[in-house]
Amino acid sequence: RQLVSDMDLVYMAGYYRIGDYSAVSGSLRYFSLGEVQ
């Protein structure tokens, strides 16, 4: 934000434990470089 006003990183993550010894997980990452002319 010291350079531009519209560059952002959005990150969503989650998990679910299966029983007591394992887990499944996932994430989605979106990085916007803003508007460029």
PDB file of all heavy atoms in Angstrom:
ATOM      1  N   ARG A   1       0.807  -1.210   0.000  1.00  0.00           N
ATOM      2  CA  ARG A   1       0.000   0.000   0.000  1.00  0.00           C
ATOM      3  C   ARG A   1       0.847   1.270   0.000  1.00  0.00           C
ATOM      4  O   ARG A   1       0.323   2.360  -0.173  1.00  0.00           O
ATOM      5  CB  ARG A   1      -0.951  -0.012   1.191  1.00  0.00           C
ATOM      6  CG  ARG A   1      -2.118  -0.979   0.984  1.00  0.00           C
ATOM      7  CD  ARG A   1      -2.859  -0.614  -0.305  1.00  0.00           C
ATOM      8  NE  ARG A   1      -3.704  -1.661  -0.827  1.00  0.00           N
ATOM      9  CZ  ARG A   1      -4.974  -1.829  -0.491  1.00  0.00           C
ATOM     10  NH1 ARG A   1      -5.517  -1.038   0.398  1.00  0.00           N
ATOM     11  NH2 ARG A   1      -5.676  -2.791  -1.034  1.00  0.00           N
ATOM     12  N   GLN A   2       2.155   1.135   0.212  1.00  0.00           N
ATOM     13  CA  GLN A   2       3.037   2.285   0.063  1.00  0.00           C
ATOM     14  C   GLN A   2       3.203   2.680  -1.397  1.00  0.00           C
ATOM     15  O   GLN A   2       3.595   3.810  -1.707  1.00  0.00           O
ATOM     16  CB  GLN A   2       4.415   1.967   0.661  1.00  0.00           C
ATOM     17  CG  GLN A   2       4.386   1.680   2.156  1.00  0.00           C
ATOM     18  CD  GLN A   2       4.402   2.938   2.976  1.00  0.00           C
ATOM     19  OE1 GLN A   2       3.710   3.903   2.689  1.00  0.00           O
ATOM     20  NE2 GLN A   2       5.200   2.958   4.021  1.00  0.00           N
ATOM     21  N   LEU A   3       2.901   1.736  -2.314  1.00  0.00           N
ATOM     22  CA  LEU A   3       3.088   1.980  -3.743  1.00  0.00           C
ATOM     23  C   LEU A   3       1.776   2.098  -4.502  1.00  0.00           C
ATOM     24  O   LEU A   3       1.626   2.966  -5.361  1.00  0.00           O
ATOM     25  CB  LEU A   3       3.930   0.857  -4.359  1.00  0.00           C
ATOM     26  CG  LEU A   3       5.316   0.617  -3.756  1.00  0.00           C
ATOM     27  CD1 LEU A   3       5.982  -0.567  -4.447  1.00  0.00           C
ATOM     28  CD2 LEU A   3       6.187   1.859  -3.891  1.00  0.00           C
ATOM     29  N   VAL A   4       0.841   1.193  -4.219  1.00  0.00           N
ATOM     30  CA  VAL A   4      -0.434   1.164  -4.944  1.00  0.00           C
ATOM     31  C   VAL A   4      -1.571   1.014  -3.934  1.00  0.00           C
ATOM     32  O   VAL A   4      -1.352   0.679  -2.774  1.00  0.00           O
ATOM     33  CB  VAL A   4      -0.485   0.004  -5.967  1.00  0.00           C
ATOM     34  CG1 VAL A   4       0.513   0.220  -7.077  1.00  0.00           C
ATOM     35  CG2 VAL A   4      -0.234  -1.330  -5.271  1.00  0.00           C
ATOM     36  N   SER A   5      -2.791   1.231  -4.409  1.00  0.00           N
ATOM     37  CA  SER A   5      -3.941   1.198  -3.508  1.00  0.00           C
ATOM     38  C   SER A   5      -4.904   0.055  -3.790  1.00  0.00           C
ATOM     39  O   SER A   5      -5.924  -0.070  -3.095  1.00  0.00           O
ATOM     40  CB  SER A   5      -4.708   2.528  -3.594  1.00  0.00           C
ATOM     41  OG  SER A   5      -5.187   2.744  -4.918  1.00  0.00           O
ATOM     42  N   ASP A   6      -4.610  -0.780  -4.777  1.00  0.00           N
ATOM     43  CA  ASP A   6      -5.583  -1.799  -5.158  1.00  0.00           C
ATOM     44  C   ASP A   6      -4.966  -3.185  -5.330  1.00  0.00           C
ATOM     45  O   ASP A   6      -5.482  -4.014  -6.068  1.00  0.00           O
ATOM     46  CB  ASP A   6      -6.310  -1.385  -6.435  1.00  0.00           C
ATOM     47  CG  ASP A   6      -5.358  -1.115  -7.595  1.00  0.00           C
ATOM     48  OD1 ASP A   6      -4.135  -1.164  -7.388  1.00  0.00           O
ATOM     49  OD2 ASP A   6      -5.844  -0.865  -8.722  1.00  0.00           O
ATOM     50  N   MET A   7      -3.865  -3.465  -4.646  1.00  0.00           N
ATOM     51  CA  MET A   7      -3.239  -4.777  -4.699  1.00  0.00           C
ATOM     52  C   MET A   7      -3.567  -5.521  -3.406  1.00  0.00           C
ATOM     53  O   MET A   7      -3.338  -5.008  -2.301  1.00  0.00           O
ATOM     54  CB  MET A   7      -1.720  -4.647  -4.886  1.00  0.00           C
ATOM     55  CG  MET A   7      -1.025  -5.954  -5.238  1.00  0.00           C
ATOM     56  SD  MET A   7       0.763  -5.754  -5.513  1.00  0.00           S
ATOM     57  CE  MET A   7       0.761  -4.719  -6.978  1.00  0.00           C
ATOM     58  N   ASP A   8      -4.120  -6.741  -3.517  1.00  0.00           N
ATOM     59  CA  ASP A   8      -4.623  -7.448  -2.346  1.00  0.00           C
ATOM     60  C   ASP A   8      -4.321  -8.936  -2.434  1.00  0.00           C
ATOM     61  O   ASP A   8      -4.218  -9.506  -3.527  1.00  0.00           O
ATOM     62  CB  ASP A   8      -6.142  -7.276  -2.195  1.00  0.00           C
ATOM     63  CG  ASP A   8      -6.579  -5.828  -2.263  1.00  0.00           C
ATOM     64  OD1 ASP A   8      -6.470  -5.135  -1.247  1.00  0.00           O
ATOM     65  OD2 ASP A   8      -7.020  -5.421  -3.354  1.00  0.00           O
ATOM     66  N   LEU A   9      -4.221  -9.563  -1.252  1.00  0.00           N
ATOM     67  CA  LEU A   9      -4.109 -11.019  -1.146  1.00  0.00           C
ATOM     68  C   LEU A   9      -5.254 -11.524  -0.276  1.00  0.00           C
ATOM     69  O   LEU A   9      -5.429 -11.067   0.857  1.00  0.00           O
ATOM     70  CB  LEU A   9      -2.771 -11.419  -0.533  1.00  0.00           C
ATOM     71  CG  LEU A   9      -2.609 -12.909  -0.186  1.00  0.00           C
ATOM     72  CD1 LEU A   9      -2.644 -13.764  -1.462  1.00  0.00           C
ATOM     73  CD2 LEU A   9      -1.327 -13.164   0.589  1.00  0.00           C
ATOM     74  N   VAL A  10      -6.026 -12.452  -0.822  1.00  0.00           N
ATOM     75  CA  VAL A  10      -7.109 -13.093  -0.075  1.00  0.00           C
ATOM     76  C   VAL A  10      -6.777 -14.580   0.024  1.00  0.00           C
ATOM     77  O   VAL A  10      -6.428 -15.216  -0.981  1.00  0.00           O
ATOM     78  CB  VAL A  10      -8.470 -12.893  -0.765  1.00  0.00           C
ATOM     79  CG1 VAL A  10      -9.573 -13.604   0.005  1.00  0.00           C
ATOM     80  CG2 VAL A  10      -8.789 -11.405  -0.891  1.00  0.00           C
ATOM     81  N   TYR A  11      -6.892 -15.109   1.235  1.00  0.00           N
ATOM     82  CA  TYR A  11      -6.523 -16.507   1.474  1.00  0.00           C
ATOM     83  C   TYR A  11      -7.576 -17.154   2.369  1.00  0.00           C
ATOM     84  O   TYR A  11      -7.901 -16.628   3.441  1.00  0.00           O
ATOM     85  CB  TYR A  11      -5.151 -16.571   2.133  1.00  0.00           C
ATOM     86  CG  TYR A  11      -4.613 -17.964   2.390  1.00  0.00           C
ATOM     87  CD1 TYR A  11      -4.083 -18.727   1.358  1.00  0.00           C
ATOM     88  CD2 TYR A  11      -4.625 -18.507   3.664  1.00  0.00           C
ATOM     89  CE1 TYR A  11      -3.579 -20.004   1.590  1.00  0.00           C
ATOM     90  CE2 TYR A  11      -4.122 -19.777   3.912  1.00  0.00           C
ATOM     91  CZ  TYR A  11      -3.596 -20.519   2.877  1.00  0.00           C
ATOM     92  OH  TYR A  11      -3.094 -21.778   3.106  1.00  0.00           O
ATOM     93  N   MET A  12      -8.099 -18.282   1.932  1.00  0.00           N
ATOM     94  CA  MET A  12      -9.077 -19.031   2.719  1.00  0.00           C
ATOM     95  C   MET A  12      -8.544 -20.441   2.946  1.00  0.00           C
ATOM     96  O   MET A  12      -8.094 -21.104   2.005  1.00  0.00           O
ATOM     97  CB  MET A  12     -10.425 -19.076   2.007  1.00  0.00           C
ATOM     98  CG  MET A  12     -11.499 -19.800   2.797  1.00  0.00           C
ATOM     99  SD  MET A  12     -13.159 -19.691   2.054  1.00  0.00           S
ATOM    100  CE  MET A  12     -12.902 -20.654   0.557  1.00  0.00           C
ATOM    101  N   ALA A  13      -8.599 -20.896   4.185  1.00  0.00           N
ATOM    102  CA  ALA A  13      -8.084 -22.224   4.526  1.00  0.00           C
ATOM    103  C   ALA A  13      -9.060 -22.919   5.463  1.00  0.00           C
ATOM    104  O   ALA A  13      -9.826 -22.267   6.195  1.00  0.00           O
ATOM    105  CB  ALA A  13      -6.710 -22.122   5.175  1.00  0.00           C
ATOM    106  N   GLY A  14      -9.028 -24.237   5.442  1.00  0.00           N
ATOM    107  CA  GLY A  14      -9.891 -25.006   6.324  1.00  0.00           C
ATOM    108  C   GLY A  14      -9.395 -26.435   6.467  1.00  0.00           C
ATOM    109  O   GLY A  14      -8.567 -26.910   5.683  1.00  0.00           O
ATOM    110  N   TYR A  15      -9.891 -27.114   7.495  1.00  0.00           N
ATOM    111  CA  TYR A  15      -9.495 -28.507   7.732  1.00  0.00           C
ATOM    112  C   TYR A  15     -10.625 -29.251   8.425  1.00  0.00           C
ATOM    113  O   TYR A  15     -11.540 -28.650   9.003  1.00  0.00           O
ATOM    114  CB  TYR A  15      -8.231 -28.577   8.593  1.00  0.00           C
ATOM    115  CG  TYR A  15      -8.473 -28.295  10.060  1.00  0.00           C
ATOM    116  CD1 TYR A  15      -8.703 -29.322  10.976  1.00  0.00           C
ATOM    117  CD2 TYR A  15      -8.508 -26.986  10.531  1.00  0.00           C
ATOM    118  CE1 TYR A  15      -8.948 -29.061  12.309  1.00  0.00           C
ATOM    119  CE2 TYR A  15      -8.748 -26.712  11.862  1.00  0.00           C
ATOM    120  CZ  TYR A  15      -8.972 -27.750  12.755  1.00  0.00           C
ATOM    121  OH  TYR A  15      -9.226 -27.482  14.077  1.00  0.00           O
ATOM    122  N   TYR A  16     -10.540 -30.574   8.376  1.00  0.00           N
ATOM    123  CA  TYR A  16     -11.481 -31.430   9.093  1.00  0.00           C
ATOM    124  C   TYR A  16     -10.727 -32.666   9.562  1.00  0.00           C
ATOM    125  O   TYR A  16     -10.108 -33.368   8.747  1.00  0.00           O
ATOM    126  CB  TYR A  16     -12.650 -31.842   8.197  1.00  0.00           C
ATOM    127  CG  TYR A  16     -13.632 -32.768   8.876  1.00  0.00           C
ATOM    128  CD1 TYR A  16     -14.593 -32.268   9.753  1.00  0.00           C
ATOM    129  CD2 TYR A  16     -13.590 -34.145   8.654  1.00  0.00           C
ATOM    130  CE1 TYR A  16     -15.487 -33.116  10.388  1.00  0.00           C
ATOM    131  CE2 TYR A  16     -14.480 -35.001   9.281  1.00  0.00           C
ATOM    132  CZ  TYR A  16     -15.425 -34.483  10.157  1.00  0.00           C
ATOM    133  OH  TYR A  16     -16.297 -35.326  10.789  1.00  0.00           O
ATOM    134  N   ARG A  17     -10.754 -32.914  10.868  1.00  0.00           N
ATOM    135  CA  ARG A  17     -10.074 -34.087  11.416  1.00  0.00           C
ATOM    136  C   ARG A  17     -10.941 -35.327  11.243  1.00  0.00           C
ATOM    137  O   ARG A  17     -12.121 -35.338  11.595  1.00  0.00           O
ATOM    138  CB  ARG A  17      -9.742 -33.882  12.892  1.00  0.00           C
ATOM    139  CG  ARG A  17      -8.548 -32.977  13.121  1.00  0.00           C
ATOM    140  CD  ARG A  17      -7.927 -33.149  14.505  1.00  0.00           C
ATOM    141  NE  ARG A  17      -8.853 -32.835  15.571  1.00  0.00           N
ATOM    142  CZ  ARG A  17      -9.308 -33.704  16.465  1.00  0.00           C
ATOM    143  NH1 ARG A  17      -8.955 -34.978  16.375  1.00  0.00           N
ATOM    144  NH2 ARG A  17     -10.136 -33.326  17.416  1.00  0.00           N
ATOM    145  N   ILE A  18     -10.331 -36.376  10.707  1.00  0.00           N
ATOM    146  CA  ILE A  18     -11.003 -37.662  10.518  1.00  0.00           C
ATOM    147  C   ILE A  18     -10.586 -38.568  11.672  1.00  0.00           C
ATOM    148  O   ILE A  18      -9.437 -39.016  11.741  1.00  0.00           O
ATOM    149  CB  ILE A  18     -10.632 -38.293   9.171  1.00  0.00           C
ATOM    150  CG1 ILE A  18     -10.934 -37.316   8.029  1.00  0.00           C
ATOM    151  CG2 ILE A  18     -11.378 -39.601   8.960  1.00  0.00           C
ATOM    152  CD1 ILE A  18     -10.420 -37.798   6.685  1.00  0.00           C
ATOM    153  N   GLY A  19     -11.494 -38.846  12.566  1.00  0.00           N
ATOM    154  CA  GLY A  19     -11.124 -39.630  13.741  1.00  0.00           C
ATOM    155  C   GLY A  19     -10.162 -38.851  14.616  1.00  0.00           C
ATOM    156  O   GLY A  19     -10.214 -37.622  14.721  1.00  0.00           O
ATOM    157  N   ASP A  20      -9.231 -39.564  15.243  1.00  0.00           N
ATOM    158  CA  ASP A  20      -8.279 -38.940  16.159  1.00  0.00           C
ATOM    159  C   ASP A  20      -6.875 -38.830  15.583  1.00  0.00           C
ATOM    160  O   ASP A  20      -6.005 -38.231  16.213  1.00  0.00           O
ATOM    161  CB  ASP A  20      -8.214 -39.744  17.472  1.00  0.00           C
ATOM    162  CG  ASP A  20      -9.529 -39.723  18.234  1.00  0.00           C
ATOM    163  OD1 ASP A  20     -10.233 -38.697  18.142  1.00  0.00           O
ATOM    164  OD2 ASP A  20      -9.858 -40.734  18.896  1.00  0.00           O
ATOM    165  N   TYR A  21      -6.638 -39.386  14.386  1.00  0.00           N
ATOM    166  CA  TYR A  21      -5.256 -39.494  13.924  1.00  0.00           C
ATOM    167  C   TYR A  21      -4.995 -38.914  12.534  1.00  0.00           C
ATOM    168  O   TYR A  21      -3.855 -38.944  12.073  1.00  0.00           O
ATOM    169  CB  TYR A  21      -4.821 -40.968  13.944  1.00  0.00           C
ATOM    170  CG  TYR A  21      -4.958 -41.614  15.294  1.00  0.00           C
ATOM    171  CD1 TYR A  21      -5.995 -42.505  15.557  1.00  0.00           C
ATOM    172  CD2 TYR A  21      -4.059 -41.322  16.315  1.00  0.00           C
ATOM    173  CE1 TYR A  21      -6.128 -43.100  16.806  1.00  0.00           C
ATOM    174  CE2 TYR A  21      -4.178 -41.911  17.571  1.00  0.00           C
ATOM    175  CZ  TYR A  21      -5.218 -42.790  17.802  1.00  0.00           C
ATOM    176  OH  TYR A  21      -5.347 -43.367  19.046  1.00  0.00           O
ATOM    177  N   SER A  22      -5.982 -38.399  11.856  1.00  0.00           N
ATOM    178  CA  SER A  22      -5.747 -37.871  10.510  1.00  0.00           C
ATOM    179  C   SER A  22      -6.653 -36.677  10.245  1.00  0.00           C
ATOM    180  O   SER A  22      -7.603 -36.413  10.987  1.00  0.00           O
ATOM    181  CB  SER A  22      -5.974 -38.950   9.446  1.00  0.00           C
ATOM    182  OG  SER A  22      -7.324 -39.404   9.465  1.00  0.00           O
ATOM    183  N   ALA A  23      -6.331 -35.964   9.175  1.00  0.00           N
ATOM    184  CA  ALA A  23      -7.108 -34.785   8.817  1.00  0.00           C
ATOM    185  C   ALA A  23      -6.984 -34.515   7.330  1.00  0.00           C
ATOM    186  O   ALA A  23      -5.974 -34.842   6.698  1.00  0.00           O
ATOM    187  CB  ALA A  23      -6.627 -33.564   9.614  1.00  0.00           C
ATOM    188  N   VAL A  24      -8.026 -33.928   6.762  1.00  0.00           N
ATOM    189  CA  VAL A  24      -7.982 -33.421   5.393  1.00  0.00           C
ATOM    190  C   VAL A  24      -8.043 -31.894   5.477  1.00  0.00           C
ATOM    191  O   VAL A  24      -8.644 -31.329   6.402  1.00  0.00           O
ATOM    192  CB  VAL A  24      -9.132 -33.969   4.530  1.00  0.00           C
ATOM    193  CG1 VAL A  24      -8.948 -35.444   4.277  1.00  0.00           C
ATOM    194  CG2 VAL A  24     -10.481 -33.687   5.184  1.00  0.00           C
ATOM    195  N   SER A  25      -7.435 -31.230   4.521  1.00  0.00           N
ATOM    196  CA  SER A  25      -7.351 -29.774   4.569  1.00  0.00           C
ATOM    197  C   SER A  25      -7.305 -29.213   3.155  1.00  0.00           C
ATOM    198  O   SER A  25      -7.083 -29.943   2.180  1.00  0.00           O
ATOM    199  CB  SER A  25      -6.106 -29.339   5.354  1.00  0.00           C
ATOM    200  OG  SER A  25      -4.935 -29.924   4.800  1.00  0.00           O
ATOM    201  N   GLY A  26      -7.484 -27.916   3.053  1.00  0.00           N
ATOM    202  CA  GLY A  26      -7.426 -27.266   1.758  1.00  0.00           C
ATOM    203  C   GLY A  26      -7.328 -25.761   1.909  1.00  0.00           C
ATOM    204  O   GLY A  26      -7.580 -25.205   2.982  1.00  0.00           O
ATOM    205  N   SER A  27      -6.940 -25.098   0.822  1.00  0.00           N
ATOM    206  CA  SER A  27      -6.864 -23.640   0.847  1.00  0.00           C
ATOM    207  C   SER A  27      -7.027 -23.091  -0.566  1.00  0.00           C
ATOM    208  O   SER A  27      -6.749 -23.769  -1.560  1.00  0.00           O
ATOM    209  CB  SER A  27      -5.541 -23.161   1.452  1.00  0.00           C
ATOM    210  OG  SER A  27      -4.456 -23.406   0.581  1.00  0.00           O
ATOM    211  N   LEU A  28      -7.479 -21.846  -0.622  1.00  0.00           N
ATOM    212  CA  LEU A  28      -7.620 -21.104  -1.870  1.00  0.00           C
ATOM    213  C   LEU A  28      -6.939 -19.755  -1.692  1.00  0.00           C
ATOM    214  O   LEU A  28      -7.217 -19.031  -0.735  1.00  0.00           O
ATOM    215  CB  LEU A  28      -9.098 -20.902  -2.214  1.00  0.00           C
ATOM    216  CG  LEU A  28      -9.408 -19.993  -3.407  1.00  0.00           C
ATOM    217  CD1 LEU A  28      -8.891 -20.610  -4.706  1.00  0.00           C
ATOM    218  CD2 LEU A  28     -10.910 -19.722  -3.501  1.00  0.00           C
ATOM    219  N   ARG A  29      -6.025 -19.433  -2.612  1.00  0.00           N
ATOM    220  CA  ARG A  29      -5.283 -18.178  -2.555  1.00  0.00           C
ATOM    221  C   ARG A  29      -5.563 -17.375  -3.824  1.00  0.00           C
ATOM    222  O   ARG A  29      -5.475 -17.900  -4.941  1.00  0.00           O
ATOM    223  CB  ARG A  29      -3.782 -18.467  -2.448  1.00  0.00           C
ATOM    224  CG  ARG A  29      -2.886 -17.238  -2.552  1.00  0.00           C
ATOM    225  CD  ARG A  29      -1.428 -17.667  -2.609  1.00  0.00           C
ATOM    226  NE  ARG A  29      -0.985 -18.216  -1.348  1.00  0.00           N
ATOM    227  CZ  ARG A  29      -0.192 -17.579  -0.482  1.00  0.00           C
ATOM    228  NH1 ARG A  29       0.234 -16.357  -0.757  1.00  0.00           N
ATOM    229  NH2 ARG A  29       0.188 -18.153   0.627  1.00  0.00           N
ATOM    230  N   TYR A  30      -5.893 -16.094  -3.634  1.00  0.00           N
ATOM    231  CA  TYR A  30      -6.148 -15.206  -4.775  1.00  0.00           C
ATOM    232  C   TYR A  30      -5.381 -13.911  -4.551  1.00  0.00           C
ATOM    233  O   TYR A  30      -5.591 -13.207  -3.552  1.00  0.00           O
ATOM    234  CB  TYR A  30      -7.644 -14.919  -4.928  1.00  0.00           C
ATOM    235  CG  TYR A  30      -7.980 -14.083  -6.140  1.00  0.00           C
ATOM    236  CD1 TYR A  30      -8.181 -14.675  -7.379  1.00  0.00           C
ATOM    237  CD2 TYR A  30      -8.071 -12.694  -6.047  1.00  0.00           C
ATOM    238  CE1 TYR A  30      -8.487 -13.906  -8.499  1.00  0.00           C
ATOM    239  CE2 TYR A  30      -8.368 -11.925  -7.166  1.00  0.00           C
ATOM    240  CZ  TYR A  30      -8.570 -12.541  -8.386  1.00  0.00           C
ATOM    241  OH  TYR A  30      -8.858 -11.775  -9.500  1.00  0.00           O
ATOM    242  N   PHE A  31      -4.489 -13.605  -5.482  1.00  0.00           N
ATOM    243  CA  PHE A  31      -3.653 -12.407  -5.390  1.00  0.00           C
ATOM    244  C   PHE A  31      -3.962 -11.494  -6.565  1.00  0.00           C
ATOM    245  O   PHE A  31      -3.721 -11.850  -7.720  1.00  0.00           O
ATOM    246  CB  PHE A  31      -2.172 -12.799  -5.395  1.00  0.00           C
ATOM    247  CG  PHE A  31      -1.233 -11.634  -5.279  1.00  0.00           C
ATOM    248  CD1 PHE A  31      -1.145 -10.912  -4.099  1.00  0.00           C
ATOM    249  CD2 PHE A  31      -0.434 -11.257  -6.351  1.00  0.00           C
ATOM    250  CE1 PHE A  31      -0.273  -9.835  -3.988  1.00  0.00           C
ATOM    251  CE2 PHE A  31       0.434 -10.190  -6.255  1.00  0.00           C
ATOM    252  CZ  PHE A  31       0.518  -9.475  -5.064  1.00  0.00           C
ATOM    253  N   SER A  32      -4.515 -10.322  -6.275  1.00  0.00           N
ATOM    254  CA  SER A  32      -4.877  -9.360  -7.312  1.00  0.00           C
ATOM    255  C   SER A  32      -3.815  -8.276  -7.404  1.00  0.00           C
ATOM    256  O   SER A  32      -3.416  -7.699  -6.386  1.00  0.00           O
ATOM    257  CB  SER A  32      -6.242  -8.736  -7.003  1.00  0.00           C
ATOM    258  OG  SER A  32      -6.517  -7.657  -7.887  1.00  0.00           O
ATOM    259  N   LEU A  33      -3.369  -7.991  -8.626  1.00  0.00           N
ATOM    260  CA  LEU A  33      -2.407  -6.922  -8.854  1.00  0.00           C
ATOM    261  C   LEU A  33      -3.091  -5.600  -9.169  1.00  0.00           C
ATOM    262  O   LEU A  33      -2.441  -4.643  -9.588  1.00  0.00           O
ATOM    263  CB  LEU A  33      -1.446  -7.286  -9.983  1.00  0.00           C
ATOM    264  CG  LEU A  33      -0.295  -8.224  -9.610  1.00  0.00           C
ATOM    265  CD1 LEU A  33      -0.794  -9.666  -9.489  1.00  0.00           C
ATOM    266  CD2 LEU A  33       0.835  -8.147 -10.611  1.00  0.00           C
ATOM    267  N   GLY A  34      -4.403  -5.538  -8.974  1.00  0.00           N
ATOM    268  CA  GLY A  34      -5.134  -4.300  -9.209  1.00  0.00           C
ATOM    269  C   GLY A  34      -5.363  -4.026 -10.683  1.00  0.00           C
ATOM    270  O   GLY A  34      -5.198  -4.896 -11.541  1.00  0.00           O
ATOM    271  N   GLU A  35      -5.731  -2.803 -10.995  1.00  0.00           N
ATOM    272  CA  GLU A  35      -5.965  -2.394 -12.377  1.00  0.00           C
ATOM    273  C   GLU A  35      -4.697  -1.825 -12.988  1.00  0.00           C
ATOM    274  O   GLU A  35      -3.998  -1.028 -12.363  1.00  0.00           O
ATOM    275  CB  GLU A  35      -7.083  -1.357 -12.441  1.00  0.00           C
ATOM    276  CG  GLU A  35      -8.444  -1.895 -12.045  1.00  0.00           C
ATOM    277  CD  GLU A  35      -9.542  -0.878 -12.260  1.00  0.00           C
ATOM    278  OE1 GLU A  35      -9.209   0.287 -12.569  1.00  0.00           O
ATOM    279  OE2 GLU A  35     -10.734  -1.241 -12.140  1.00  0.00           O
ATOM    280  N   VAL A  36      -4.406  -2.250 -14.220  1.00  0.00           N
ATOM    281  CA  VAL A  36      -3.218  -1.795 -14.940  1.00  0.00           C
ATOM    282  C   VAL A  36      -3.644  -1.246 -16.288  1.00  0.00           C
ATOM    283  O   VAL A  36      -4.383  -1.897 -17.032  1.00  0.00           O
ATOM    284  CB  VAL A  36      -2.206  -2.949 -15.128  1.00  0.00           C
ATOM    285  CG1 VAL A  36      -0.988  -2.458 -15.897  1.00  0.00           C
ATOM    286  CG2 VAL A  36      -1.801  -3.529 -13.784  1.00  0.00           C
ATOM    287  N   GLN A  37      -3.193  -0.039 -16.614  1.00  0.00           N
ATOM    288  CA  GLN A  37      -3.501   0.575 -17.899  1.00  0.00           C
ATOM    289  C   GLN A  37      -2.460   0.157 -18.927  1.00  0.00           C
ATOM    290  O   GLN A  37      -1.257   0.230 -18.677  1.00  0.00           O
ATOM    291  CB  GLN A  37      -3.509   2.101 -17.768  1.00  0.00           C
ATOM    292  CG  GLN A  37      -4.493   2.634 -16.738  1.00  0.00           C
ATOM    293  CD  GLN A  37      -5.935   2.433 -17.140  1.00  0.00           C
ATOM    294  OE1 GLN A  37      -6.253   2.432 -18.331  1.00  0.00           O
ATOM    295  NE2 GLN A  37      -6.799   2.260 -16.155  1.00  0.00           N
TER     296      GLN A  37
END
